[in-house]
Amino acid sequence: MWLSNFTLVLPDEVVDQGSVRIEDGVIAEIRPELAEAATFEGGGRLLMPGFVDLHGDMIEREIAPRPNATMPIDFGIHELDKKLAAAGITTAYAAVSFATESVYGHVRSLETTSAVIKGINSLRDHLLIDHRVHARYEITNVGAAATLERLLEDGFVDMVSLTDHTPGQGQYNNIEAYLLSMSERRGITREAAEEVLARRIALRHDLDIEHKLRDIIGLSLKHKLSLASHDDDSAEKVAEMFDLGVTISEFPVTLPAAEEARRRGLWTLMGAPNALRGQSMSGNLSALDAAGAGLLGIIAADYHPAAFVPAIFKIAEVAKGGLPAAVAMATAGAARAAGLTDRGEIAVGQKADLVAVEHGVVHRIRATFRNGRVVYSDGTLHPLMAMSA
């Protein structure tokens, strides 16, 4: 099958009127010219590798779209699958949380989190895109360690991150902002929010965290999983995480943390919504500032998968290397950080996971291919031929 007359975003350059031949789900040939017999005629639209999302929180919203409206887990996974394909994501790591307490309530309970992980594993061969599991281990939730350990030993987890949402550091290093946010989100008084704050800080100091943390890290490394830290707020915190075996620094909240992560050779990951908006929701480091300083290695969907494409074009304006470098943050960079070498580039031998993008005032995804098969199309690229391909 030939895809012809596309603007190809290759690892180091952009090629106009290029063509890609696909055989058995793999890129077999690339030409900087039009193909004579094409299954899809691109009309000059951009062709990028499929996006590899290492951190997507969206499954929770599919299962519980409202606080008291719970949907079946299998249904939620299938619905998310369609949305991710339409967003150009071809490999997705569902970031499921093992948290101590959360405004998400039962959706982040041990029972529900375990069921989601098992559901993804049981359905993965029947979904449009490649779904994997990113287990977010809240280090203060030592009671969850045994459950996560079983899931790791059973091979149900593909990536692990170490999170610490204790107020006064990390994402919540601004105590006053934390109290205000807590009061607004939970609809409680400031006094009640201060009680929650005191309880969480006390919990962090009272628990025997170190022993369970090292068990989780040991199992992750035993199974050769990528290990990430979360919300690093200082060079010292990055150094500590590096010594534990972390290879990815997720959402560094300060410039010194991002600088230290890159100095130590860690992948730095930030949210596509942050890049699109030009600022963090929490007032922390801007992904665009990090990209402009050469400190950003990966972008992830975080909470909004549709942000990938516009974020790429925003980053391309400030990052050294332009569009190819920005695309690599959503594709090859993410894939390599996760230990995946078979996807993420338009290159011979790589999986034919591809996204056709129309560049405009609103950048639009016209089609998504996984292993050379159309998994999403808006009908723009010859829909009759797409159905017969």
Protein backbone atom coordinates (compact mmCIF):
# COMPACT_ATOMS: atom_id res chain seq x y z
CA MET A 1 0.00 0.00 0.00
CA TRP A 2 1.28 3.44 -0.94
CA LEU A 3 0.59 6.71 0.84
CA SER A 4 1.49 9.39 -1.70
CA ASN A 5 1.75 13.18 -1.88
CA PHE A 6 2.26 13.75 1.83
CA THR A 7 4.58 16.20 3.54
CA LEU A 8 6.66 13.67 5.46
CA VAL A 9 7.98 14.61 8.89
CA LEU A 10 11.12 12.47 9.01
CA PRO A 11 13.49 12.29 12.00
CA ASP A 12 15.71 15.15 10.79
CA GLU A 13 13.84 16.85 7.96
CA VAL A 14 10.51 17.60 6.34
CA VAL A 15 10.03 16.27 2.79
CA ASP A 16 7.35 17.70 0.48
CA GLN A 17 5.40 15.46 -1.89
CA GLY A 18 6.83 12.31 -0.37
CA SER A 19 5.50 8.76 -0.39
CA VAL A 20 5.56 5.82 2.01
CA ARG A 21 5.05 2.17 1.13
CA ILE A 22 3.63 -0.16 3.76
CA GLU A 23 3.91 -3.94 3.78
CA ASP A 24 2.66 -6.24 6.54
CA GLY A 25 2.12 -3.33 8.90
CA VAL A 26 5.68 -2.02 8.54
CA ILE A 27 7.19 0.87 6.60
CA ALA A 28 8.94 -0.79 3.66
CA GLU A 29 10.02 2.17 1.53
CA ILE A 30 10.18 5.97 1.61
CA ARG A 31 10.45 8.16 -1.48
CA PRO A 32 10.92 11.95 -1.77
CA GLU A 33 8.52 11.93 -4.72
CA LEU A 34 4.99 10.93 -5.71
CA ALA A 35 4.08 7.26 -6.08
CA GLU A 36 2.37 6.25 -9.30
CA ALA A 37 -0.25 3.99 -7.72
CA ALA A 38 -1.37 5.28 -4.35
CA THR A 39 -4.00 3.88 -2.01
CA PHE A 40 -4.15 7.24 -0.24
CA GLU A 41 -3.47 10.60 -1.89
CA GLY A 42 -2.47 13.03 0.82
CA GLY A 43 -2.97 16.31 -0.99
CA GLY A 44 0.18 17.66 0.63
CA ARG A 45 -1.01 17.06 4.18
CA LEU A 46 1.54 16.31 6.88
CA LEU A 47 2.32 12.69 7.70
CA MET A 48 3.75 12.13 11.19
CA PRO A 49 4.51 9.02 13.21
CA GLY A 50 1.68 7.96 15.51
CA PHE A 51 1.88 9.60 18.91
CA VAL A 52 3.19 7.61 21.86
CA ASP A 53 1.54 8.83 25.05
CA LEU A 54 3.36 7.82 28.24
CA HIS A 55 1.01 9.58 30.65
CA GLY A 56 -2.72 9.85 30.01
CA ASP A 57 -5.19 10.31 32.88
CA MET A 58 -8.32 10.03 30.73
CA ILE A 59 -9.55 6.54 31.65
CA GLU A 60 -10.89 7.84 34.96
CA ARG A 61 -13.19 10.29 33.17
CA GLU A 62 -14.54 7.52 30.94
CA ILE A 63 -15.34 5.32 33.93
CA ALA A 64 -16.77 8.11 36.08
CA PRO A 65 -17.83 11.04 33.87
CA ARG A 66 -19.60 12.50 36.91
CA PRO A 67 -19.01 11.85 40.62
CA ASN A 68 -22.03 9.58 41.05
CA ALA A 69 -22.21 8.14 37.54
CA THR A 70 -20.05 5.05 37.19
CA MET A 71 -19.75 3.24 33.85
CA PRO A 72 -18.59 -0.34 33.21
CA ILE A 73 -14.81 -0.51 32.94
CA ASP A 74 -14.76 -2.42 29.62
CA PHE A 75 -17.13 0.16 28.13
CA GLY A 76 -14.91 2.99 29.34
CA ILE A 77 -11.79 1.42 27.84
CA HIS A 78 -13.47 0.97 24.44
CA GLU A 79 -14.73 4.57 24.44
CA LEU A 80 -11.30 5.91 25.36
CA ASP A 81 -9.76 3.76 22.63
CA LYS A 82 -11.83 5.52 19.95
CA LYS A 83 -11.00 8.98 21.28
CA LEU A 84 -7.28 8.28 21.41
CA ALA A 85 -7.25 6.96 17.84
CA ALA A 86 -9.01 10.14 16.71
CA ALA A 87 -6.34 12.17 18.54
CA GLY A 88 -3.54 10.46 16.60
CA ILE A 89 -2.35 8.36 19.54
CA THR A 90 -1.30 4.88 18.47
CA THR A 91 0.42 3.75 21.69
CA ALA A 92 -1.12 4.82 25.00
CA TYR A 93 0.04 4.25 28.56
CA ALA A 94 -2.99 4.65 30.84
CA ALA A 95 -1.70 6.41 33.96
CA VAL A 96 -3.69 4.70 36.69
CA SER A 97 -3.20 5.87 40.23
CA PHE A 98 -2.51 4.10 43.53
CA ALA A 99 -3.32 7.16 45.64
CA THR A 100 -4.00 7.49 49.37
CA GLU A 101 -6.94 9.86 49.07
CA SER A 102 -8.28 11.72 46.08
CA VAL A 103 -11.10 13.88 44.81
CA TYR A 104 -11.60 11.05 42.29
CA GLY A 105 -12.85 8.88 45.15
CA HIS A 106 -13.52 5.21 44.38
CA VAL A 107 -12.11 5.57 40.82
CA ARG A 108 -8.66 5.58 42.40
CA SER A 109 -9.40 2.86 44.92
CA LEU A 110 -7.25 -0.27 44.92
CA GLU A 111 -10.17 -2.34 43.69
CA THR A 112 -11.05 -0.10 40.76
CA THR A 113 -7.45 0.60 39.78
CA SER A 114 -6.68 -3.12 39.74
CA ALA A 115 -9.80 -3.82 37.68
CA VAL A 116 -8.82 -1.15 35.15
CA ILE A 117 -5.33 -2.61 34.80
CA LYS A 118 -6.68 -6.11 34.31
CA GLY A 119 -9.30 -4.81 31.88
CA ILE A 120 -6.69 -3.12 29.69
CA ASN A 121 -4.63 -6.29 29.61
CA SER A 122 -7.59 -8.52 28.73
CA LEU A 123 -8.84 -6.19 25.96
CA ARG A 124 -5.57 -5.02 24.42
CA ASP A 125 -5.73 -7.45 21.47
CA HIS A 126 -9.21 -6.23 20.55
CA LEU A 127 -8.65 -2.47 20.58
CA LEU A 128 -7.83 0.00 17.84
CA ILE A 129 -4.53 1.17 19.32
CA ASP A 130 -1.80 -0.31 21.51
CA HIS A 131 -2.85 0.17 25.14
CA ARG A 132 -0.40 -0.26 28.01
CA VAL A 133 -0.38 0.41 31.75
CA HIS A 134 1.50 3.13 33.59
CA ALA A 135 1.16 2.51 37.34
CA ARG A 136 1.45 5.70 39.39
CA TYR A 137 2.58 4.61 42.84
CA GLU A 138 1.90 7.21 45.52
CA ILE A 139 4.76 6.49 47.92
CA THR A 140 2.68 7.39 50.98
CA ASN A 141 0.16 4.68 50.09
CA VAL A 142 2.18 1.81 51.53
CA GLY A 143 -1.01 -0.23 51.80
CA ALA A 144 -1.16 -0.40 48.01
CA ALA A 145 2.33 -1.83 47.63
CA ALA A 146 1.31 -5.49 47.91
CA THR A 147 -1.38 -5.08 45.23
CA LEU A 148 1.00 -3.32 42.86
CA GLU A 149 3.67 -5.94 43.51
CA ARG A 150 1.26 -8.71 42.44
CA LEU A 151 0.33 -6.82 39.29
CA LEU A 152 4.01 -6.31 38.48
CA GLU A 153 4.81 -9.98 38.98
CA ASP A 154 1.83 -10.95 36.79
CA GLY A 155 3.19 -8.80 33.95
CA PHE A 156 0.19 -6.45 33.93
CA VAL A 157 2.23 -3.22 34.26
CA ASP A 158 4.42 -1.63 31.56
CA MET A 159 5.77 1.47 33.33
CA VAL A 160 5.95 2.76 36.90
CA SER A 161 6.18 6.28 38.26
CA LEU A 162 6.90 7.32 41.84
CA THR A 163 4.64 10.11 42.99
CA ASP A 164 4.51 12.12 46.20
CA HIS A 165 1.66 14.61 46.45
CA THR A 166 2.42 15.59 50.04
CA PRO A 167 1.78 19.35 50.35
CA GLY A 168 4.81 21.58 50.78
CA GLN A 169 6.91 20.06 48.00
CA GLY A 170 6.64 18.86 44.40
CA GLN A 171 3.50 19.97 42.60
CA TYR A 172 2.10 21.45 45.80
CA ASN A 173 5.12 23.39 47.01
CA ASN A 174 2.95 26.52 47.43
CA ILE A 175 0.98 25.82 50.63
CA GLU A 176 -1.32 28.82 50.25
CA ALA A 177 -2.26 27.83 46.68
CA TYR A 178 -2.81 24.24 47.85
CA LEU A 179 -5.22 25.32 50.59
CA LEU A 180 -7.19 27.51 48.20
CA SER A 181 -7.40 24.75 45.58
CA MET A 182 -8.38 22.12 48.16
CA SER A 183 -11.13 24.35 49.54
CA GLU A 184 -12.56 25.07 46.08
CA ARG A 185 -12.36 21.52 44.69
CA ARG A 186 -13.85 19.83 47.72
CA GLY A 187 -16.27 22.59 48.66
CA ILE A 188 -14.92 22.80 52.21
CA THR A 189 -13.88 25.64 54.50
CA ARG A 190 -10.30 26.81 54.82
CA GLU A 191 -10.20 25.35 58.32
CA ALA A 192 -11.23 21.93 56.99
CA ALA A 193 -8.63 22.22 54.23
CA GLU A 194 -5.97 22.99 56.85
CA GLU A 195 -6.95 19.81 58.69
CA VAL A 196 -6.48 17.79 55.49
CA LEU A 197 -3.12 19.50 54.96
CA ALA A 198 -1.91 18.69 58.46
CA ARG A 199 -3.06 15.07 58.16
CA ARG A 200 -1.26 14.54 54.86
CA ILE A 201 2.00 16.05 56.10
CA ALA A 202 1.84 13.95 59.28
CA LEU A 203 1.16 10.82 57.23
CA ARG A 204 4.29 11.42 55.16
CA HIS A 205 6.47 11.51 58.29
CA ASP A 206 4.79 8.68 60.20
CA LEU A 207 4.90 5.95 57.57
CA ASP A 208 7.70 3.50 56.84
CA ILE A 209 7.87 4.49 53.19
CA GLU A 210 11.44 3.55 52.32
CA HIS A 211 11.09 -0.23 52.59
CA LYS A 212 8.04 -0.52 50.32
CA LEU A 213 9.42 2.04 47.88
CA ARG A 214 12.56 -0.01 47.33
CA ASP A 215 10.48 -3.17 46.83
CA ILE A 216 8.46 -1.46 44.08
CA ILE A 217 11.60 -0.10 42.45
CA GLY A 218 13.28 -3.51 42.62
CA LEU A 219 10.35 -5.24 40.92
CA SER A 220 10.14 -2.55 38.25
CA LEU A 221 13.81 -2.92 37.41
CA LYS A 222 13.56 -6.72 37.57
CA HIS A 223 10.90 -6.62 34.86
CA LYS A 224 12.90 -4.07 32.87
CA LEU A 225 10.22 -1.39 33.11
CA SER A 226 10.86 2.29 32.64
CA LEU A 227 10.82 4.07 35.98
CA ALA A 228 9.78 7.71 36.32
CA SER A 229 9.81 10.30 39.05
CA HIS A 230 6.99 12.82 39.31
CA ASP A 231 6.93 16.56 40.01
CA ASP A 232 10.64 16.93 40.78
CA ASP A 233 11.05 20.39 42.33
CA SER A 234 14.80 20.69 42.83
CA ALA A 235 18.15 19.46 41.55
CA GLU A 236 18.55 17.56 44.82
CA LYS A 237 15.27 15.70 44.29
CA VAL A 238 16.33 14.77 40.75
CA ALA A 239 19.64 13.44 42.04
CA GLU A 240 17.82 11.36 44.64
CA MET A 241 15.49 9.88 42.02
CA PHE A 242 18.39 9.23 39.64
CA ASP A 243 20.17 7.24 42.33
CA LEU A 244 17.04 5.09 42.74
CA GLY A 245 17.14 4.08 39.06
CA VAL A 246 14.71 6.57 37.55
CA THR A 247 15.20 7.33 33.83
CA ILE A 248 12.28 9.74 33.25
CA SER A 249 11.53 12.96 35.11
CA GLU A 250 7.80 13.58 34.70
CA PHE A 251 6.51 17.15 34.99
CA PRO A 252 9.54 18.82 36.61
CA VAL A 253 8.08 21.86 38.35
CA THR A 254 11.13 24.12 38.34
CA LEU A 255 13.81 25.08 35.84
CA PRO A 256 16.68 23.84 38.08
CA ALA A 257 15.01 20.42 38.32
CA ALA A 258 14.66 20.18 34.53
CA GLU A 259 18.25 21.31 34.06
CA GLU A 260 19.55 18.68 36.48
CA ALA A 261 17.43 15.97 34.87
CA ARG A 262 18.89 16.70 31.44
CA ARG A 263 22.40 16.98 32.88
CA ARG A 264 22.04 13.48 34.27
CA GLY A 265 20.69 12.11 30.99
CA LEU A 266 17.10 11.66 32.14
CA TRP A 267 14.18 12.07 29.80
CA THR A 268 12.08 15.09 30.79
CA LEU A 269 8.34 14.74 30.21
CA MET A 270 5.75 17.50 30.34
CA GLY A 271 2.12 17.85 29.33
CA ALA A 272 0.94 18.78 25.85
CA PRO A 273 -1.84 20.90 27.41
CA ASN A 274 0.83 22.87 29.27
CA ALA A 275 2.65 23.53 25.97
CA LEU A 276 -0.58 24.46 24.18
CA ARG A 277 -1.66 26.88 26.91
CA GLY A 278 1.87 28.18 27.47
CA GLN A 279 1.61 27.63 31.20
CA SER A 280 1.15 25.03 33.90
CA MET A 281 -2.22 24.68 35.65
CA SER A 282 -0.36 24.86 38.97
CA GLY A 283 1.83 27.84 38.13
CA ASN A 284 4.89 25.63 37.72
CA LEU A 285 7.41 25.40 34.86
CA SER A 286 6.03 26.14 31.38
CA ALA A 287 6.59 23.37 28.83
CA LEU A 288 7.27 26.02 26.18
CA ASP A 289 9.96 27.61 28.34
CA ALA A 290 11.49 24.18 28.89
CA ALA A 291 11.40 23.45 25.14
CA GLY A 292 12.96 26.80 24.29
CA ALA A 293 15.76 26.12 26.76
CA GLY A 294 16.44 22.69 25.24
CA LEU A 295 15.21 20.92 28.39
CA LEU A 296 12.11 19.13 27.09
CA GLY A 297 12.36 15.58 25.77
CA ILE A 298 8.79 14.23 25.75
CA ILE A 299 5.25 15.55 25.71
CA ALA A 300 2.31 13.53 26.98
CA ALA A 301 -1.47 13.87 26.77
CA ASP A 302 -1.76 14.31 30.55
CA TYR A 303 -5.48 15.10 30.77
CA HIS A 304 -6.27 16.18 27.16
CA PRO A 305 -5.18 13.96 24.23
CA ALA A 306 -6.37 16.39 21.54
CA ALA A 307 -3.68 18.82 22.73
CA PHE A 308 -0.92 16.79 21.05
CA VAL A 309 -1.14 18.31 17.56
CA PRO A 310 -1.48 22.00 18.47
CA ALA A 311 1.19 21.58 21.15
CA ILE A 312 3.60 20.18 18.56
CA PHE A 313 3.22 23.28 16.40
CA LYS A 314 3.66 25.55 19.42
CA ILE A 315 6.85 23.75 20.43
CA ALA A 316 8.15 23.81 16.85
CA GLU A 317 8.21 27.62 17.06
CA VAL A 318 10.59 27.68 20.02
CA ALA A 319 12.55 24.41 20.00
CA LYS A 320 15.87 23.95 18.27
CA GLY A 321 15.24 21.56 15.39
CA GLY A 322 11.81 22.92 14.52
CA LEU A 323 8.97 20.61 13.52
CA PRO A 324 10.95 17.32 13.38
CA ALA A 325 12.23 17.92 16.93
CA ALA A 326 8.76 18.83 18.19
CA VAL A 327 7.20 15.76 16.57
CA ALA A 328 9.91 13.55 18.08
CA MET A 329 8.82 14.66 21.56
CA ALA A 330 5.45 13.02 20.94
CA THR A 331 6.81 10.00 19.08
CA ALA A 332 10.39 8.73 19.01
CA GLY A 333 11.40 10.36 22.29
CA ALA A 334 8.48 8.87 24.16
CA ALA A 335 8.95 5.47 22.53
CA ARG A 336 12.66 5.27 23.35
CA ALA A 337 12.09 6.41 26.93
CA ALA A 338 9.65 3.51 27.31
CA GLY A 339 12.11 1.06 25.77
CA LEU A 340 10.20 0.74 22.48
CA THR A 341 12.47 0.66 19.43
CA ASP A 342 9.98 -0.48 16.79
CA ARG A 343 7.92 2.73 16.48
CA GLY A 344 8.08 6.50 16.66
CA GLU A 345 9.72 7.39 13.33
CA ILE A 346 8.86 7.40 9.66
CA ALA A 347 11.73 5.11 8.79
CA VAL A 348 12.10 1.80 6.99
CA GLY A 349 11.49 -1.11 9.36
CA GLN A 350 9.39 0.88 11.82
CA LYS A 351 5.76 0.09 12.55
CA ALA A 352 3.40 1.84 10.15
CA ASP A 353 1.81 3.82 12.97
CA LEU A 354 1.07 7.11 11.24
CA VAL A 355 -1.03 10.25 11.52
CA ALA A 356 -2.24 12.46 8.65
CA VAL A 357 -2.50 16.07 9.84
CA GLU A 358 -3.90 19.13 8.11
CA HIS A 359 -2.04 22.29 9.08
CA GLY A 360 -4.35 25.26 9.49
CA VAL A 361 -5.84 27.75 11.89
CA VAL A 362 -7.13 24.67 13.71
CA HIS A 363 -4.81 21.73 13.07
CA ARG A 364 -6.91 18.69 12.24
CA ILE A 365 -6.18 14.98 12.22
CA ARG A 366 -7.57 13.47 9.05
CA ALA A 367 -6.58 9.84 9.57
CA THR A 368 -4.70 7.57 11.95
CA PHE A 369 -3.01 4.32 10.93
CA ARG A 370 -1.87 1.57 13.26
CA ASN A 371 0.25 -1.18 11.74
CA GLY A 372 -0.78 0.22 8.35
CA ARG A 373 -4.49 -0.18 9.03
CA VAL A 374 -6.84 2.79 9.25
CA VAL A 375 -8.14 3.06 12.81
CA TYR A 376 -9.57 6.55 12.41
CA SER A 377 -10.61 8.62 9.41
CA ASP A 378 -12.80 11.68 8.94
CA GLY A 379 -13.39 10.63 5.31
CA THR A 380 -11.08 13.22 3.80
CA LEU A 381 -8.51 10.76 2.46
CA HIS A 382 -10.61 8.78 -0.01
CA PRO A 383 -12.86 6.85 2.40
CA LEU A 384 -13.91 4.19 -0.14
CA MET A 385 -10.29 3.26 -0.80
CA ALA A 386 -9.60 3.33 2.92
CA MET A 387 -12.27 0.72 3.55
CA SER A 388 -10.83 -1.59 0.91
CA ALA A 389 -7.20 -1.17 1.94
